[in-house]
């Protein structure tokens, strides 16, 4: 059960205009939920692609910035 607030009413009314074949407000609500879920998944996938592209662009940017054995030498000062 969901309370039909002003915002929900507006969303359902817009959905009814978008999907006029759906007569039931319950079916419209299910359709909105499904479409919203798909939109979130697409957005997440797009963000992942953009992040991976950014990482790929930066790959190798610090090549040669540190001498061989730098990390091992740094760790020698760490307490054990």
C-alpha atoms as a PDB file:
ATOM      1  CA  UNK A   1       0.000   0.000   0.000  1.00  0.00           C
ATOM      2  CA  UNK A   2       1.242   3.473  -0.815  1.00  0.00           C
ATOM      3  CA  UNK A   3      -0.164   6.854   0.134  1.00  0.00           C
ATOM      4  CA  UNK A   4      -0.993   8.916  -2.912  1.00  0.00           C
ATOM      5  CA  UNK A   5       0.706  12.153  -1.967  1.00  0.00           C
ATOM      6  CA  UNK A   6       0.747  15.148  -4.280  1.00  0.00           C
ATOM      7  CA  UNK A   7       4.088  14.032  -5.698  1.00  0.00           C
ATOM      8  CA  UNK A   8       2.856  10.458  -6.253  1.00  0.00           C
ATOM      9  CA  UNK A   9      -0.331  11.750  -7.894  1.00  0.00           C
ATOM     10  CA  UNK A  10       1.706  13.920 -10.229  1.00  0.00           C
ATOM     11  CA  UNK A  11       3.983  10.997 -11.145  1.00  0.00           C
ATOM     12  CA  UNK A  12       1.017   8.684 -11.772  1.00  0.00           C
ATOM     13  CA  UNK A  13      -0.777  11.305 -13.871  1.00  0.00           C
ATOM     14  CA  UNK A  14       2.331  11.786 -15.991  1.00  0.00           C
ATOM     15  CA  UNK A  15       2.750   8.023 -16.300  1.00  0.00           C
ATOM     16  CA  UNK A  16      -0.872   7.756 -17.457  1.00  0.00           C
ATOM     17  CA  UNK A  17      -0.125  10.239 -20.238  1.00  0.00           C
ATOM     18  CA  UNK A  18       3.019   8.327 -21.162  1.00  0.00           C
ATOM     19  CA  UNK A  19       1.371   4.880 -21.088  1.00  0.00           C
ATOM     20  CA  UNK A  20      -2.277   5.496 -21.988  1.00  0.00           C
ATOM     21  CA  UNK A  21      -2.870   1.753 -22.452  1.00  0.00           C
ATOM     22  CA  UNK A  22      -2.456   1.257 -18.689  1.00  0.00           C
ATOM     23  CA  UNK A  23      -5.815   1.917 -17.043  1.00  0.00           C
ATOM     24  CA  UNK A  24      -4.969   0.924 -13.482  1.00  0.00           C
ATOM     25  CA  UNK A  25      -3.030   3.276 -11.214  1.00  0.00           C
ATOM     26  CA  UNK A  26      -1.570   0.177  -9.577  1.00  0.00           C
ATOM     27  CA  UNK A  27      -0.190  -1.009 -12.930  1.00  0.00           C
ATOM     28  CA  UNK A  28       1.141   2.493 -13.585  1.00  0.00           C
ATOM     29  CA  UNK A  29       2.915   2.434 -10.253  1.00  0.00           C
ATOM     30  CA  UNK A  30       4.496  -0.934 -11.044  1.00  0.00           C
ATOM     31  CA  UNK A  31       5.584   0.379 -14.423  1.00  0.00           C
ATOM     32  CA  UNK A  32       7.129   3.471 -12.833  1.00  0.00           C
ATOM     33  CA  UNK A  33       9.013   1.306 -10.353  1.00  0.00           C
ATOM     34  CA  UNK A  34      10.294  -0.971 -13.104  1.00  0.00           C
ATOM     35  CA  UNK A  35      11.339   1.930 -15.342  1.00  0.00           C
ATOM     36  CA  UNK A  36      12.990   3.696 -12.397  1.00  0.00           C
ATOM     37  CA  UNK A  37      14.946   0.573 -11.550  1.00  0.00           C
ATOM     38  CA  UNK A  38      16.126   0.224 -15.156  1.00  0.00           C
ATOM     39  CA  UNK A  39      17.156   3.893 -15.203  1.00  0.00           C
ATOM     40  CA  UNK A  40      19.204   3.456 -12.026  1.00  0.00           C
ATOM     41  CA  UNK A  41      20.954   0.422 -13.451  1.00  0.00           C
ATOM     42  CA  UNK A  42      21.770   2.288 -16.680  1.00  0.00           C
ATOM     43  CA  UNK A  43      23.099   5.243 -14.700  1.00  0.00           C
ATOM     44  CA  UNK A  44      25.278   2.968 -12.558  1.00  0.00           C
ATOM     45  CA  UNK A  45      26.637   1.268 -15.679  1.00  0.00           C
ATOM     46  CA  UNK A  46      27.405   4.638 -17.302  1.00  0.00           C
ATOM     47  CA  UNK A  47      29.235   5.824 -14.191  1.00  0.00           C
ATOM     48  CA  UNK A  48      31.300   2.632 -14.134  1.00  0.00           C
ATOM     49  CA  UNK A  49      32.264   3.081 -17.793  1.00  0.00           C
ATOM     50  CA  UNK A  50      33.288   6.712 -17.178  1.00  0.00           C
ATOM     51  CA  UNK A  51      35.354   5.786 -14.115  1.00  0.00           C
ATOM     52  CA  UNK A  52      37.147   3.010 -15.954  1.00  0.00           C
ATOM     53  CA  UNK A  53      37.884   5.355 -18.858  1.00  0.00           C
ATOM     54  CA  UNK A  54      39.337   7.930 -16.444  1.00  0.00           C
ATOM     55  CA  UNK A  55      41.516   5.275 -14.828  1.00  0.00           C
ATOM     56  CA  UNK A  56      42.672   4.086 -18.253  1.00  0.00           C
ATOM     57  CA  UNK A  57      43.588   7.664 -19.277  1.00  0.00           C
ATOM     58  CA  UNK A  58      45.787   7.985 -16.170  1.00  0.00           C
ATOM     59  CA  UNK A  59      47.427   4.595 -16.540  1.00  0.00           C
ATOM     60  CA  UNK A  60      51.177   4.948 -16.659  1.00  0.00           C
ATOM     61  CA  UNK A  61      51.167   8.636 -15.704  1.00  0.00           C
ATOM     62  CA  UNK A  62      53.666   8.005 -12.885  1.00  0.00           C
ATOM     63  CA  UNK A  63      55.828   5.501 -14.717  1.00  0.00           C
ATOM     64  CA  UNK A  64      59.421   6.237 -13.809  1.00  0.00           C
ATOM     65  CA  UNK A  65      58.510   8.563 -10.942  1.00  0.00           C
ATOM     66  CA  UNK A  66      59.881   6.106  -8.368  1.00  0.00           C
ATOM     67  CA  UNK A  67      63.158   4.209  -8.484  1.00  0.00           C
ATOM     68  CA  UNK A  68      63.319   0.420  -8.422  1.00  0.00           C
ATOM     69  CA  UNK A  69      62.976  -0.829  -4.850  1.00  0.00           C
ATOM     70  CA  UNK A  70      61.470   2.430  -3.574  1.00  0.00           C
ATOM     71  CA  UNK A  71      58.592   0.728  -1.800  1.00  0.00           C
ATOM     72  CA  UNK A  72      60.785  -1.880  -0.114  1.00  0.00           C
ATOM     73  CA  UNK A  73      63.140   0.864   1.066  1.00  0.00           C
ATOM     74  CA  UNK A  74      60.244   2.918   2.399  1.00  0.00           C
ATOM     75  CA  UNK A  75      58.914  -0.056   4.327  1.00  0.00           C
ATOM     76  CA  UNK A  76      62.260  -0.593   6.073  1.00  0.00           C
ATOM     77  CA  UNK A  77      61.412   2.355   8.345  1.00  0.00           C
ATOM     78  CA  UNK A  78      58.033   0.927   9.313  1.00  0.00           C
ATOM     79  CA  UNK A  79      57.652  -0.724  12.684  1.00  0.00           C
ATOM     80  CA  UNK A  80      56.970  -4.454  12.575  1.00  0.00           C
END
